[in-house]
Amino acid sequence: MLDCAHIGHDKSVAPKKKPISRILVSENTLTLKECTFITDLYDRYCDLSTRKDYSRRPLLHYYTLREVDSESASWLYGVTLRCKEKIEVDLCTSQLFVEALFLACLLPGDSHIAHADNERRAHSRWAPNHTPQRDYTGLVYLNDKFTGGELVFPDRDVVIIPKPGLFIGFPSNHKFVHAVPKVLSGKRYSLPVWFTLNSAKAMQV
């Protein structure tokens, strides 16, 4: 569980403004070999995807991968189950179900503005967005051959520097608004996955 305000290669710690009790940080969730395998999947198949992220980069969805490489898709789903179990145990949740998973890559100049994953700001208040079924967010980082592109929780003064195999889990609501500042160089690969408490909203595998 995260108990510092800055996590990275130098393990720097800065004072935090607010208590942090619901962000899961788990290193070495994947091996370097597994991370490389996943980034290769993205590079091989991303052009088949019609989905785009906020930076207009391809998002490789599980369903697209399954159509062309069902064995790899099944293995990747198994990775998300590892993440699910970590959240259930470490964040003491009820049973979770995988709602969606993608492979993503940001390039220099790409960023994500501060946002919540299941809510949006509407007239100075938070309201459900287009994915209200998402209860928990998981982010698996796959490489570190880039600069910039940290994971930032601006309301909590938390900055996390991605590295291969690092898994971050947290609730998807507005209490965990997060952002990604611009990638300055290199390619930033990640595996975003969302979990729901509603079995009816589970991804079909």
N, C-alpha and C. Protein backbone atom coordinates (compact mmCIF):
# COMPACT_ATOMS: atom_id res chain seq x y z
N MET A 1 0.84 -1.19 0.00
CA MET A 1 0.00 0.00 0.00
C MET A 1 0.87 1.23 0.00
N LEU A 2 0.46 2.23 -0.77
CA LEU A 2 1.26 3.43 -0.89
C LEU A 2 1.22 4.24 0.39
N ASP A 3 2.41 4.58 0.92
CA ASP A 3 2.46 5.39 2.11
C ASP A 3 3.46 6.53 1.97
N CYS A 4 3.79 6.86 0.71
CA CYS A 4 4.65 8.00 0.47
C CYS A 4 4.09 8.81 -0.68
N ALA A 5 4.63 9.98 -0.90
CA ALA A 5 4.05 10.89 -1.88
C ALA A 5 4.78 10.88 -3.21
N HIS A 6 5.84 10.12 -3.35
CA HIS A 6 6.56 10.06 -4.61
C HIS A 6 7.26 8.72 -4.67
N ILE A 7 6.98 7.98 -5.75
CA ILE A 7 7.62 6.68 -5.90
C ILE A 7 8.31 6.64 -7.25
N GLY A 8 9.54 6.25 -7.25
CA GLY A 8 10.27 6.15 -8.50
C GLY A 8 11.55 5.37 -8.30
N HIS A 9 12.46 5.51 -9.24
CA HIS A 9 13.69 4.73 -9.17
C HIS A 9 14.57 5.17 -8.01
N ASP A 10 14.47 6.46 -7.63
CA ASP A 10 15.31 6.92 -6.53
C ASP A 10 14.61 6.82 -5.19
N LYS A 11 13.35 6.31 -5.19
CA LYS A 11 12.58 6.13 -3.96
C LYS A 11 12.45 7.45 -3.18
N SER A 12 12.40 8.58 -3.89
CA SER A 12 12.26 9.86 -3.22
C SER A 12 10.93 9.93 -2.49
N VAL A 13 10.95 10.57 -1.36
CA VAL A 13 9.74 10.72 -0.56
C VAL A 13 9.56 12.19 -0.24
N ALA A 14 8.37 12.71 -0.52
CA ALA A 14 8.06 14.09 -0.19
C ALA A 14 6.87 14.11 0.74
N PRO A 15 6.69 15.15 1.53
CA PRO A 15 5.55 15.21 2.43
C PRO A 15 4.25 15.13 1.66
N LYS A 16 3.26 14.53 2.24
CA LYS A 16 1.96 14.43 1.60
C LYS A 16 0.94 15.29 2.33
N LYS A 17 -0.04 15.79 1.56
CA LYS A 17 -1.03 16.68 2.14
C LYS A 17 -2.16 15.89 2.79
N LYS A 18 -2.55 14.79 2.17
CA LYS A 18 -3.71 14.05 2.63
C LYS A 18 -3.32 12.59 2.87
N PRO A 19 -4.00 11.93 3.78
CA PRO A 19 -3.71 10.50 4.00
C PRO A 19 -3.94 9.70 2.73
N ILE A 20 -3.07 8.74 2.48
CA ILE A 20 -3.20 7.87 1.32
C ILE A 20 -3.39 6.46 1.83
N SER A 21 -4.57 5.92 1.63
CA SER A 21 -4.84 4.60 2.19
C SER A 21 -5.46 3.65 1.18
N ARG A 22 -5.73 4.13 -0.03
CA ARG A 22 -6.44 3.28 -0.98
C ARG A 22 -5.75 3.22 -2.33
N ILE A 23 -4.46 3.45 -2.39
CA ILE A 23 -3.70 3.25 -3.62
C ILE A 23 -2.77 2.07 -3.40
N LEU A 24 -2.95 1.07 -4.23
CA LEU A 24 -2.12 -0.13 -4.16
C LEU A 24 -0.94 0.03 -5.11
N VAL A 25 0.25 -0.17 -4.61
CA VAL A 25 1.47 -0.13 -5.42
C VAL A 25 2.18 -1.47 -5.24
N SER A 26 2.32 -2.22 -6.32
CA SER A 26 2.90 -3.56 -6.25
C SER A 26 3.98 -3.68 -7.32
N GLU A 27 5.22 -3.81 -6.90
CA GLU A 27 6.32 -3.96 -7.84
C GLU A 27 6.46 -5.43 -8.27
N ASN A 28 7.03 -5.61 -9.44
CA ASN A 28 7.33 -6.95 -9.97
C ASN A 28 6.10 -7.83 -10.09
N THR A 29 4.96 -7.21 -10.40
CA THR A 29 3.76 -8.00 -10.66
C THR A 29 3.92 -8.83 -11.93
N LEU A 30 4.65 -8.29 -12.89
CA LEU A 30 5.04 -9.01 -14.10
C LEU A 30 6.57 -9.05 -14.19
N THR A 31 7.08 -10.08 -14.82
CA THR A 31 8.51 -10.16 -15.07
C THR A 31 8.86 -9.27 -16.27
N LEU A 32 10.12 -8.97 -16.41
CA LEU A 32 10.56 -8.19 -17.56
C LEU A 32 10.25 -8.92 -18.87
N LYS A 33 10.40 -10.23 -18.86
CA LYS A 33 10.09 -11.02 -20.06
C LYS A 33 8.61 -10.90 -20.42
N GLU A 34 7.74 -10.94 -19.41
CA GLU A 34 6.30 -10.79 -19.66
C GLU A 34 5.99 -9.40 -20.19
N CYS A 35 6.62 -8.39 -19.62
CA CYS A 35 6.39 -7.02 -20.08
C CYS A 35 6.80 -6.86 -21.54
N THR A 36 7.93 -7.42 -21.89
CA THR A 36 8.41 -7.33 -23.28
C THR A 36 7.47 -8.05 -24.23
N PHE A 37 6.97 -9.19 -23.80
CA PHE A 37 6.01 -9.94 -24.62
C PHE A 37 4.77 -9.09 -24.90
N ILE A 38 4.27 -8.38 -23.88
CA ILE A 38 3.06 -7.58 -24.04
C ILE A 38 3.31 -6.37 -24.95
N THR A 39 4.45 -5.70 -24.77
CA THR A 39 4.74 -4.57 -25.66
C THR A 39 4.87 -5.04 -27.11
N ASP A 40 5.42 -6.22 -27.31
CA ASP A 40 5.52 -6.76 -28.67
C ASP A 40 4.13 -7.03 -29.25
N LEU A 41 3.20 -7.48 -28.40
CA LEU A 41 1.83 -7.68 -28.87
C LEU A 41 1.23 -6.37 -29.36
N TYR A 42 1.45 -5.31 -28.59
CA TYR A 42 0.91 -4.01 -28.99
C TYR A 42 1.50 -3.59 -30.33
N ASP A 43 2.80 -3.66 -30.47
CA ASP A 43 3.44 -3.22 -31.70
C ASP A 43 2.98 -4.04 -32.90
N ARG A 44 2.71 -5.32 -32.67
CA ARG A 44 2.33 -6.21 -33.77
C ARG A 44 0.91 -5.97 -34.23
N TYR A 45 0.00 -5.65 -33.29
CA TYR A 45 -1.42 -5.64 -33.62
C TYR A 45 -2.12 -4.30 -33.46
N CYS A 46 -1.45 -3.26 -32.99
CA CYS A 46 -2.17 -2.02 -32.67
C CYS A 46 -2.83 -1.39 -33.89
N ASP A 47 -2.25 -1.58 -35.07
CA ASP A 47 -2.83 -0.98 -36.27
C ASP A 47 -4.18 -1.59 -36.63
N LEU A 48 -4.53 -2.72 -36.03
CA LEU A 48 -5.83 -3.34 -36.29
C LEU A 48 -6.95 -2.68 -35.49
N SER A 49 -6.58 -1.88 -34.52
CA SER A 49 -7.58 -1.33 -33.60
C SER A 49 -8.21 -0.06 -34.16
N THR A 50 -9.51 0.08 -33.93
CA THR A 50 -10.22 1.30 -34.29
C THR A 50 -10.40 2.22 -33.09
N ARG A 51 -10.06 1.75 -31.90
CA ARG A 51 -10.21 2.56 -30.68
C ARG A 51 -8.99 3.44 -30.48
N LYS A 52 -9.24 4.65 -30.00
CA LYS A 52 -8.17 5.61 -29.76
C LYS A 52 -8.25 6.14 -28.33
N ASP A 53 -7.09 6.56 -27.79
CA ASP A 53 -7.09 7.19 -26.49
C ASP A 53 -7.24 8.70 -26.66
N TYR A 54 -7.09 9.46 -25.57
CA TYR A 54 -7.28 10.90 -25.63
C TYR A 54 -6.23 11.58 -26.51
N SER A 55 -5.11 10.91 -26.72
CA SER A 55 -4.07 11.47 -27.59
C SER A 55 -4.19 10.95 -29.02
N ARG A 56 -5.28 10.24 -29.32
CA ARG A 56 -5.54 9.67 -30.63
C ARG A 56 -4.58 8.55 -31.00
N ARG A 57 -4.02 7.92 -29.99
CA ARG A 57 -3.17 6.76 -30.23
C ARG A 57 -4.02 5.49 -30.17
N PRO A 58 -3.65 4.46 -30.92
CA PRO A 58 -4.45 3.22 -30.89
C PRO A 58 -4.48 2.57 -29.51
N LEU A 59 -5.65 2.10 -29.13
CA LEU A 59 -5.82 1.27 -27.94
C LEU A 59 -6.14 -0.14 -28.42
N LEU A 60 -5.30 -1.08 -28.08
CA LEU A 60 -5.53 -2.46 -28.49
C LEU A 60 -6.41 -3.15 -27.47
N HIS A 61 -7.66 -3.38 -27.82
CA HIS A 61 -8.63 -3.99 -26.91
C HIS A 61 -8.45 -5.51 -26.89
N TYR A 62 -8.82 -6.10 -25.77
CA TYR A 62 -8.76 -7.56 -25.63
C TYR A 62 -9.50 -8.24 -26.77
N TYR A 63 -10.68 -7.74 -27.14
CA TYR A 63 -11.47 -8.41 -28.18
C TYR A 63 -10.77 -8.39 -29.53
N THR A 64 -10.10 -7.28 -29.85
CA THR A 64 -9.35 -7.21 -31.11
C THR A 64 -8.20 -8.21 -31.10
N LEU A 65 -7.49 -8.28 -29.98
CA LEU A 65 -6.38 -9.23 -29.86
C LEU A 65 -6.90 -10.66 -29.98
N ARG A 66 -8.03 -10.94 -29.36
CA ARG A 66 -8.58 -12.30 -29.38
C ARG A 66 -8.88 -12.76 -30.80
N GLU A 67 -9.31 -11.84 -31.66
CA GLU A 67 -9.65 -12.20 -33.03
C GLU A 67 -8.45 -12.69 -33.83
N VAL A 68 -7.27 -12.16 -33.50
CA VAL A 68 -6.08 -12.49 -34.30
C VAL A 68 -5.09 -13.38 -33.58
N ASP A 69 -5.19 -13.45 -32.24
CA ASP A 69 -4.22 -14.24 -31.46
C ASP A 69 -4.90 -14.64 -30.16
N SER A 70 -5.76 -15.64 -30.24
CA SER A 70 -6.59 -16.01 -29.09
C SER A 70 -5.75 -16.55 -27.93
N GLU A 71 -4.65 -17.22 -28.23
CA GLU A 71 -3.81 -17.76 -27.16
C GLU A 71 -3.18 -16.63 -26.33
N SER A 72 -2.66 -15.62 -27.01
CA SER A 72 -2.07 -14.49 -26.30
C SER A 72 -3.13 -13.70 -25.55
N ALA A 73 -4.31 -13.57 -26.13
CA ALA A 73 -5.40 -12.85 -25.47
C ALA A 73 -5.80 -13.56 -24.19
N SER A 74 -5.87 -14.88 -24.23
CA SER A 74 -6.23 -15.65 -23.04
C SER A 74 -5.18 -15.48 -21.95
N TRP A 75 -3.92 -15.50 -22.34
CA TRP A 75 -2.83 -15.30 -21.37
C TRP A 75 -2.91 -13.91 -20.77
N LEU A 76 -3.18 -12.90 -21.61
CA LEU A 76 -3.25 -11.53 -21.12
C LEU A 76 -4.41 -11.37 -20.13
N TYR A 77 -5.52 -12.03 -20.40
CA TYR A 77 -6.64 -12.00 -19.46
C TYR A 77 -6.21 -12.59 -18.11
N GLY A 78 -5.41 -13.64 -18.16
CA GLY A 78 -4.90 -14.22 -16.92
C GLY A 78 -4.06 -13.23 -16.12
N VAL A 79 -3.31 -12.38 -16.81
CA VAL A 79 -2.55 -11.33 -16.12
C VAL A 79 -3.49 -10.41 -15.36
N THR A 80 -4.61 -10.05 -15.98
CA THR A 80 -5.55 -9.14 -15.30
C THR A 80 -6.18 -9.81 -14.09
N LEU A 81 -6.31 -11.12 -14.11
CA LEU A 81 -6.85 -11.82 -12.93
C LEU A 81 -5.87 -11.74 -11.77
N ARG A 82 -4.58 -11.75 -12.05
CA ARG A 82 -3.59 -11.54 -11.00
C ARG A 82 -3.79 -10.16 -10.35
N CYS A 83 -4.00 -9.18 -11.20
CA CYS A 83 -4.21 -7.81 -10.70
C CYS A 83 -5.50 -7.73 -9.89
N LYS A 84 -6.53 -8.38 -10.37
CA LYS A 84 -7.81 -8.38 -9.67
C LYS A 84 -7.65 -8.93 -8.26
N GLU A 85 -6.95 -10.03 -8.15
CA GLU A 85 -6.76 -10.65 -6.84
C GLU A 85 -5.97 -9.75 -5.89
N LYS A 86 -4.98 -9.03 -6.43
CA LYS A 86 -4.22 -8.11 -5.60
C LYS A 86 -5.12 -7.01 -5.04
N ILE A 87 -5.99 -6.47 -5.87
CA ILE A 87 -6.89 -5.41 -5.40
C ILE A 87 -7.86 -5.96 -4.37
N GLU A 88 -8.43 -7.13 -4.65
CA GLU A 88 -9.38 -7.71 -3.70
C GLU A 88 -8.76 -7.92 -2.33
N VAL A 89 -7.52 -8.38 -2.31
CA VAL A 89 -6.85 -8.67 -1.04
C VAL A 89 -6.36 -7.39 -0.37
N ASP A 90 -5.60 -6.59 -1.11
CA ASP A 90 -4.93 -5.45 -0.49
C ASP A 90 -5.87 -4.27 -0.22
N LEU A 91 -6.90 -4.12 -1.03
CA LEU A 91 -7.86 -3.04 -0.80
C LEU A 91 -9.14 -3.54 -0.16
N CYS A 92 -9.17 -4.83 0.18
CA CYS A 92 -10.29 -5.43 0.94
C CYS A 92 -11.63 -5.18 0.25
N THR A 93 -11.70 -5.49 -1.03
CA THR A 93 -12.93 -5.30 -1.78
C THR A 93 -13.75 -6.59 -1.79
N SER A 94 -14.99 -6.46 -2.22
CA SER A 94 -15.79 -7.63 -2.55
C SER A 94 -15.26 -8.22 -3.85
N GLN A 95 -15.85 -9.31 -4.30
CA GLN A 95 -15.38 -9.94 -5.53
C GLN A 95 -15.49 -8.96 -6.69
N LEU A 96 -14.43 -8.90 -7.48
CA LEU A 96 -14.39 -8.02 -8.64
C LEU A 96 -14.44 -8.84 -9.92
N PHE A 97 -14.84 -8.16 -11.00
CA PHE A 97 -14.90 -8.78 -12.33
C PHE A 97 -14.19 -7.85 -13.30
N VAL A 98 -13.47 -8.43 -14.26
CA VAL A 98 -12.79 -7.61 -15.25
C VAL A 98 -13.83 -6.98 -16.17
N GLU A 99 -13.80 -5.65 -16.26
CA GLU A 99 -14.79 -4.94 -17.09
C GLU A 99 -14.23 -4.60 -18.46
N ALA A 100 -12.96 -4.23 -18.53
CA ALA A 100 -12.32 -3.91 -19.82
C ALA A 100 -10.82 -3.93 -19.63
N LEU A 101 -10.12 -4.27 -20.72
CA LEU A 101 -8.66 -4.19 -20.69
C LEU A 101 -8.16 -3.79 -22.07
N PHE A 102 -7.09 -3.01 -22.06
CA PHE A 102 -6.48 -2.51 -23.28
C PHE A 102 -4.96 -2.60 -23.16
N LEU A 103 -4.30 -2.50 -24.29
CA LEU A 103 -2.88 -2.19 -24.32
C LEU A 103 -2.75 -0.79 -24.91
N ALA A 104 -1.88 0.02 -24.31
CA ALA A 104 -1.77 1.41 -24.71
C ALA A 104 -0.31 1.82 -24.85
N CYS A 105 -0.09 2.86 -25.64
CA CYS A 105 1.25 3.40 -25.83
C CYS A 105 1.16 4.89 -26.07
N LEU A 106 1.89 5.67 -25.29
CA LEU A 106 1.97 7.11 -25.48
C LEU A 106 3.33 7.46 -26.09
N LEU A 107 3.31 8.45 -26.98
CA LEU A 107 4.52 8.90 -27.65
C LEU A 107 4.85 10.32 -27.20
N PRO A 108 6.03 10.83 -27.55
CA PRO A 108 6.39 12.19 -27.13
C PRO A 108 5.32 13.21 -27.48
N GLY A 109 4.98 14.03 -26.49
CA GLY A 109 3.93 15.03 -26.66
C GLY A 109 2.58 14.59 -26.17
N ASP A 110 2.39 13.28 -25.98
CA ASP A 110 1.10 12.75 -25.51
C ASP A 110 0.97 12.92 -24.00
N SER A 111 -0.26 13.10 -23.55
CA SER A 111 -0.55 13.25 -22.13
C SER A 111 -2.01 12.90 -21.88
N HIS A 112 -2.38 12.78 -20.61
CA HIS A 112 -3.78 12.62 -20.21
C HIS A 112 -4.09 13.69 -19.17
N ILE A 113 -5.16 14.43 -19.40
CA ILE A 113 -5.54 15.45 -18.44
C ILE A 113 -6.07 14.80 -17.17
N ALA A 114 -6.13 15.57 -16.09
CA ALA A 114 -6.65 15.05 -14.83
C ALA A 114 -8.10 14.61 -15.01
N HIS A 115 -8.40 13.40 -14.55
CA HIS A 115 -9.74 12.85 -14.74
C HIS A 115 -9.99 11.73 -13.72
N ALA A 116 -11.25 11.39 -13.56
CA ALA A 116 -11.66 10.18 -12.84
C ALA A 116 -12.19 9.20 -13.87
N ASP A 117 -12.16 7.92 -13.54
CA ASP A 117 -12.52 6.91 -14.54
C ASP A 117 -14.00 6.56 -14.57
N ASN A 118 -14.75 6.92 -13.53
CA ASN A 118 -16.19 6.63 -13.58
C ASN A 118 -17.06 7.85 -13.28
N GLU A 119 -16.43 9.04 -13.23
CA GLU A 119 -17.19 10.26 -12.98
C GLU A 119 -16.62 11.40 -13.82
N ARG A 120 -17.42 12.46 -13.98
CA ARG A 120 -17.00 13.66 -14.69
C ARG A 120 -17.50 14.89 -13.95
N ARG A 121 -16.84 15.99 -14.16
CA ARG A 121 -17.28 17.24 -13.56
C ARG A 121 -18.42 17.81 -14.38
N ALA A 122 -19.54 18.12 -13.72
CA ALA A 122 -20.69 18.71 -14.39
C ALA A 122 -21.25 19.82 -13.50
N HIS A 123 -21.11 21.07 -13.96
CA HIS A 123 -21.62 22.20 -13.20
C HIS A 123 -21.07 22.22 -11.78
N SER A 124 -19.75 22.07 -11.70
CA SER A 124 -19.02 22.12 -10.42
C SER A 124 -19.33 20.96 -9.49
N ARG A 125 -19.97 19.93 -10.03
CA ARG A 125 -20.25 18.74 -9.23
C ARG A 125 -19.82 17.51 -10.01
N TRP A 126 -19.59 16.42 -9.27
CA TRP A 126 -19.24 15.17 -9.92
C TRP A 126 -20.49 14.37 -10.23
N ALA A 127 -20.53 13.81 -11.43
CA ALA A 127 -21.67 13.00 -11.88
C ALA A 127 -21.13 11.78 -12.61
N PRO A 128 -21.92 10.70 -12.70
CA PRO A 128 -21.45 9.52 -13.44
C PRO A 128 -21.10 9.87 -14.88
N ASN A 129 -20.03 9.28 -15.39
CA ASN A 129 -19.67 9.49 -16.78
C ASN A 129 -20.19 8.35 -17.65
N HIS A 130 -19.57 8.13 -18.80
CA HIS A 130 -20.05 7.10 -19.72
C HIS A 130 -19.65 5.69 -19.29
N THR A 131 -18.82 5.56 -18.25
CA THR A 131 -18.43 4.24 -17.74
C THR A 131 -18.64 4.16 -16.22
N PRO A 132 -19.85 4.37 -15.74
CA PRO A 132 -20.09 4.37 -14.29
C PRO A 132 -19.92 3.01 -13.65
N GLN A 133 -19.88 1.95 -14.47
CA GLN A 133 -19.76 0.59 -13.94
C GLN A 133 -18.34 0.28 -13.47
N ARG A 134 -17.39 1.12 -13.78
CA ARG A 134 -16.00 0.87 -13.39
C ARG A 134 -15.79 1.27 -11.93
N ASP A 135 -15.47 0.29 -11.10
CA ASP A 135 -15.30 0.54 -9.67
C ASP A 135 -13.85 0.68 -9.26
N TYR A 136 -12.96 -0.06 -9.90
CA TYR A 136 -11.53 0.01 -9.59
C TYR A 136 -10.72 0.05 -10.87
N THR A 137 -9.64 0.80 -10.81
CA THR A 137 -8.73 0.97 -11.94
C THR A 137 -7.42 0.26 -11.64
N GLY A 138 -6.90 -0.45 -12.64
CA GLY A 138 -5.59 -1.07 -12.52
C GLY A 138 -4.70 -0.61 -13.67
N LEU A 139 -3.45 -0.31 -13.37
CA LEU A 139 -2.49 0.10 -14.39
C LEU A 139 -1.22 -0.72 -14.21
N VAL A 140 -0.87 -1.47 -15.24
CA VAL A 140 0.38 -2.22 -15.23
C VAL A 140 1.33 -1.53 -16.20
N TYR A 141 2.50 -1.18 -15.71
CA TYR A 141 3.49 -0.52 -16.56
C TYR A 141 4.46 -1.54 -17.12
N LEU A 142 4.85 -1.32 -18.39
CA LEU A 142 5.54 -2.35 -19.15
C LEU A 142 6.96 -2.00 -19.54
N ASN A 143 7.37 -0.73 -19.37
CA ASN A 143 8.73 -0.35 -19.75
C ASN A 143 9.10 0.94 -19.03
N ASP A 144 10.37 1.32 -19.17
CA ASP A 144 10.82 2.58 -18.59
C ASP A 144 11.75 3.33 -19.53
N LYS A 145 11.71 2.99 -20.81
CA LYS A 145 12.58 3.63 -21.80
C LYS A 145 11.92 4.90 -22.33
N PHE A 146 11.57 5.80 -21.42
CA PHE A 146 10.96 7.06 -21.80
C PHE A 146 11.20 8.06 -20.67
N THR A 147 10.98 9.33 -20.96
CA THR A 147 11.03 10.36 -19.93
C THR A 147 9.69 11.09 -19.90
N GLY A 148 9.39 11.69 -18.75
CA GLY A 148 8.06 12.26 -18.57
C GLY A 148 7.04 11.15 -18.36
N GLY A 149 5.75 11.47 -18.53
CA GLY A 149 4.72 10.45 -18.49
C GLY A 149 4.52 9.78 -17.15
N GLU A 150 4.78 10.50 -16.06
CA GLU A 150 4.53 9.92 -14.73
C GLU A 150 3.02 9.78 -14.49
N LEU A 151 2.66 8.97 -13.51
CA LEU A 151 1.28 8.90 -13.05
C LEU A 151 1.15 9.85 -11.86
N VAL A 152 0.24 10.83 -11.98
CA VAL A 152 0.12 11.87 -10.97
C VAL A 152 -1.29 11.87 -10.40
N PHE A 153 -1.37 11.91 -9.08
CA PHE A 153 -2.63 12.13 -8.37
C PHE A 153 -2.55 13.54 -7.80
N PRO A 154 -3.04 14.54 -8.53
CA PRO A 154 -2.78 15.94 -8.15
C PRO A 154 -3.40 16.34 -6.82
N ASP A 155 -4.53 15.78 -6.47
CA ASP A 155 -5.18 16.15 -5.21
C ASP A 155 -4.47 15.56 -4.00
N ARG A 156 -3.56 14.62 -4.25
CA ARG A 156 -2.90 13.91 -3.14
C ARG A 156 -1.38 14.11 -3.14
N ASP A 157 -0.91 14.96 -4.05
CA ASP A 157 0.54 15.17 -4.15
C ASP A 157 1.30 13.87 -4.32
N VAL A 158 0.77 12.97 -5.13
CA VAL A 158 1.40 11.68 -5.39
C VAL A 158 1.90 11.64 -6.83
N VAL A 159 3.16 11.29 -7.00
CA VAL A 159 3.75 11.11 -8.32
C VAL A 159 4.41 9.73 -8.35
N ILE A 160 4.03 8.91 -9.32
CA ILE A 160 4.58 7.57 -9.44
C ILE A 160 5.28 7.45 -10.79
N ILE A 161 6.53 7.04 -10.75
CA ILE A 161 7.32 6.88 -11.96
C ILE A 161 7.19 5.43 -12.45
N PRO A 162 6.63 5.22 -13.63
CA PRO A 162 6.44 3.85 -14.13
C PRO A 162 7.76 3.12 -14.32
N LYS A 163 7.69 1.81 -14.13
CA LYS A 163 8.79 0.93 -14.48
C LYS A 163 8.21 -0.45 -14.78
N PRO A 164 8.94 -1.29 -15.47
CA PRO A 164 8.39 -2.58 -15.90
C PRO A 164 7.90 -3.42 -14.72
N GLY A 165 6.68 -3.95 -14.86
CA GLY A 165 6.13 -4.84 -13.85
C GLY A 165 5.43 -4.15 -12.71
N LEU A 166 5.44 -2.82 -12.68
CA LEU A 166 4.79 -2.09 -11.59
C LEU A 166 3.29 -2.07 -11.80
N PHE A 167 2.54 -2.44 -10.77
CA PHE A 167 1.07 -2.44 -10.83
C PHE A 167 0.52 -1.44 -9.82
N ILE A 168 -0.38 -0.59 -10.29
CA ILE A 168 -1.05 0.41 -9.46
C ILE A 168 -2.55 0.13 -9.49
N GLY A 169 -3.19 0.08 -8.32
CA GLY A 169 -4.63 -0.13 -8.26
C GLY A 169 -5.27 0.89 -7.33
N PHE A 170 -6.47 1.37 -7.70
CA PHE A 170 -7.14 2.38 -6.89
C PHE A 170 -8.60 2.49 -7.33
N PRO A 171 -9.48 3.03 -6.47
CA PRO A 171 -10.87 3.22 -6.85
C PRO A 171 -10.98 4.16 -8.05
N SER A 172 -12.00 3.97 -8.85
CA SER A 172 -12.16 4.73 -10.09
C SER A 172 -12.90 6.05 -9.91
N ASN A 173 -13.24 6.41 -8.68
CA ASN A 173 -14.07 7.60 -8.46
C ASN A 173 -13.25 8.89 -8.37
N HIS A 174 -13.95 10.00 -8.14
CA HIS A 174 -13.32 11.32 -8.19
C HIS A 174 -12.34 11.57 -7.04
N LYS A 175 -12.36 10.72 -6.04
CA LYS A 175 -11.38 10.88 -4.96
C LYS A 175 -9.98 10.48 -5.41
N PHE A 176 -9.90 9.86 -6.59
CA PHE A 176 -8.62 9.42 -7.12
C PHE A 176 -8.42 9.96 -8.54
N VAL A 177 -8.68 11.24 -8.69
CA VAL A 177 -8.38 11.92 -9.95
C VAL A 177 -6.89 11.74 -10.26
N HIS A 178 -6.59 11.42 -11.49
CA HIS A 178 -5.20 11.18 -11.88
C HIS A 178 -4.94 11.74 -13.27
N ALA A 179 -3.68 11.93 -13.56
CA ALA A 179 -3.28 12.52 -14.83
C ALA A 179 -1.93 11.95 -15.25
N VAL A 180 -1.61 12.15 -16.52
CA VAL A 180 -0.29 11.78 -17.05
C VAL A 180 0.26 13.00 -17.77
N PRO A 181 1.31 13.65 -17.22
CA PRO A 181 1.92 14.76 -17.94
C PRO A 181 2.59 14.28 -19.21
N LYS A 182 2.99 15.22 -20.04
CA LYS A 182 3.53 14.88 -21.37
C LYS A 182 4.71 13.91 -21.30
N VAL A 183 4.66 12.95 -22.20
CA VAL A 183 5.84 12.12 -22.44
C VAL A 183 6.84 12.99 -23.20
N LEU A 184 8.06 13.03 -22.74
CA LEU A 184 9.08 13.89 -23.34
C LEU A 184 9.91 13.17 -24.39
N SER A 185 10.15 11.89 -24.18
CA SER A 185 10.91 11.10 -25.15
C SER A 185 10.58 9.63 -24.96
N GLY A 186 10.76 8.85 -26.02
CA GLY A 186 10.53 7.41 -25.93
C GLY A 186 9.08 7.03 -26.07
N LYS A 187 8.80 5.75 -25.84
CA LYS A 187 7.45 5.19 -25.90
C LYS A 187 7.07 4.68 -24.52
N ARG A 188 5.89 5.03 -24.07
CA ARG A 188 5.40 4.65 -22.74
C ARG A 188 4.29 3.60 -22.91
N TYR A 189 4.60 2.35 -22.63
CA TYR A 189 3.65 1.26 -22.79
C TYR A 189 2.96 0.94 -21.44
N SER A 190 1.67 0.63 -21.51
CA SER A 190 0.96 0.25 -20.29
C SER A 190 -0.20 -0.68 -20.61
N LEU A 191 -0.67 -1.33 -19.58
CA LEU A 191 -1.83 -2.21 -19.64
C LEU A 191 -2.87 -1.66 -18.67
N PRO A 192 -3.82 -0.84 -19.15
CA PRO A 192 -4.90 -0.38 -18.29
C PRO A 192 -6.01 -1.44 -18.22
N VAL A 193 -6.53 -1.65 -17.03
CA VAL A 193 -7.62 -2.62 -16.86
C VAL A 193 -8.57 -2.06 -15.81
N TRP A 194 -9.86 -2.26 -16.05
CA TRP A 194 -10.88 -1.78 -15.11
C TRP A 194 -11.69 -2.96 -14.57
N PHE A 195 -12.09 -2.82 -13.32
CA PHE A 195 -12.81 -3.87 -12.62
C PHE A 195 -14.14 -3.33 -12.13
N THR A 196 -15.13 -4.20 -12.09
CA THR A 196 -16.46 -3.84 -11.64
C THR A 196 -16.93 -4.80 -10.55
N LEU A 197 -17.79 -4.29 -9.69
CA LEU A 197 -18.42 -5.14 -8.68
C LEU A 197 -19.68 -5.81 -9.23
N ASN A 198 -20.11 -5.38 -10.40
CA ASN A 198 -21.35 -5.87 -11.00
C ASN A 198 -21.03 -6.97 -12.01
N SER A 199 -21.35 -8.20 -11.69
CA SER A 199 -21.02 -9.32 -12.58
C SER A 199 -21.68 -9.19 -13.95
N ALA A 200 -22.81 -8.48 -14.02
CA ALA A 200 -23.50 -8.32 -15.30
C ALA A 200 -22.71 -7.41 -16.26
N LYS A 201 -21.76 -6.64 -15.71
CA LYS A 201 -20.96 -5.74 -16.53
C LYS A 201 -19.59 -6.33 -16.85
N ALA A 202 -19.37 -7.58 -16.48
CA ALA A 202 -18.06 -8.21 -16.71
C ALA A 202 -17.81 -8.39 -18.20
N MET A 203 -16.56 -8.28 -18.59
CA MET A 203 -16.15 -8.53 -19.95
C MET A 203 -16.40 -9.98 -20.33
N GLN A 204 -16.84 -10.22 -21.54
CA GLN A 204 -17.10 -11.58 -21.99
C GLN A 204 -15.82 -12.17 -22.57
N VAL A 205 -15.36 -13.28 -22.00
CA VAL A 205 -14.12 -13.90 -22.47
C VAL A 205 -14.40 -15.31 -22.99
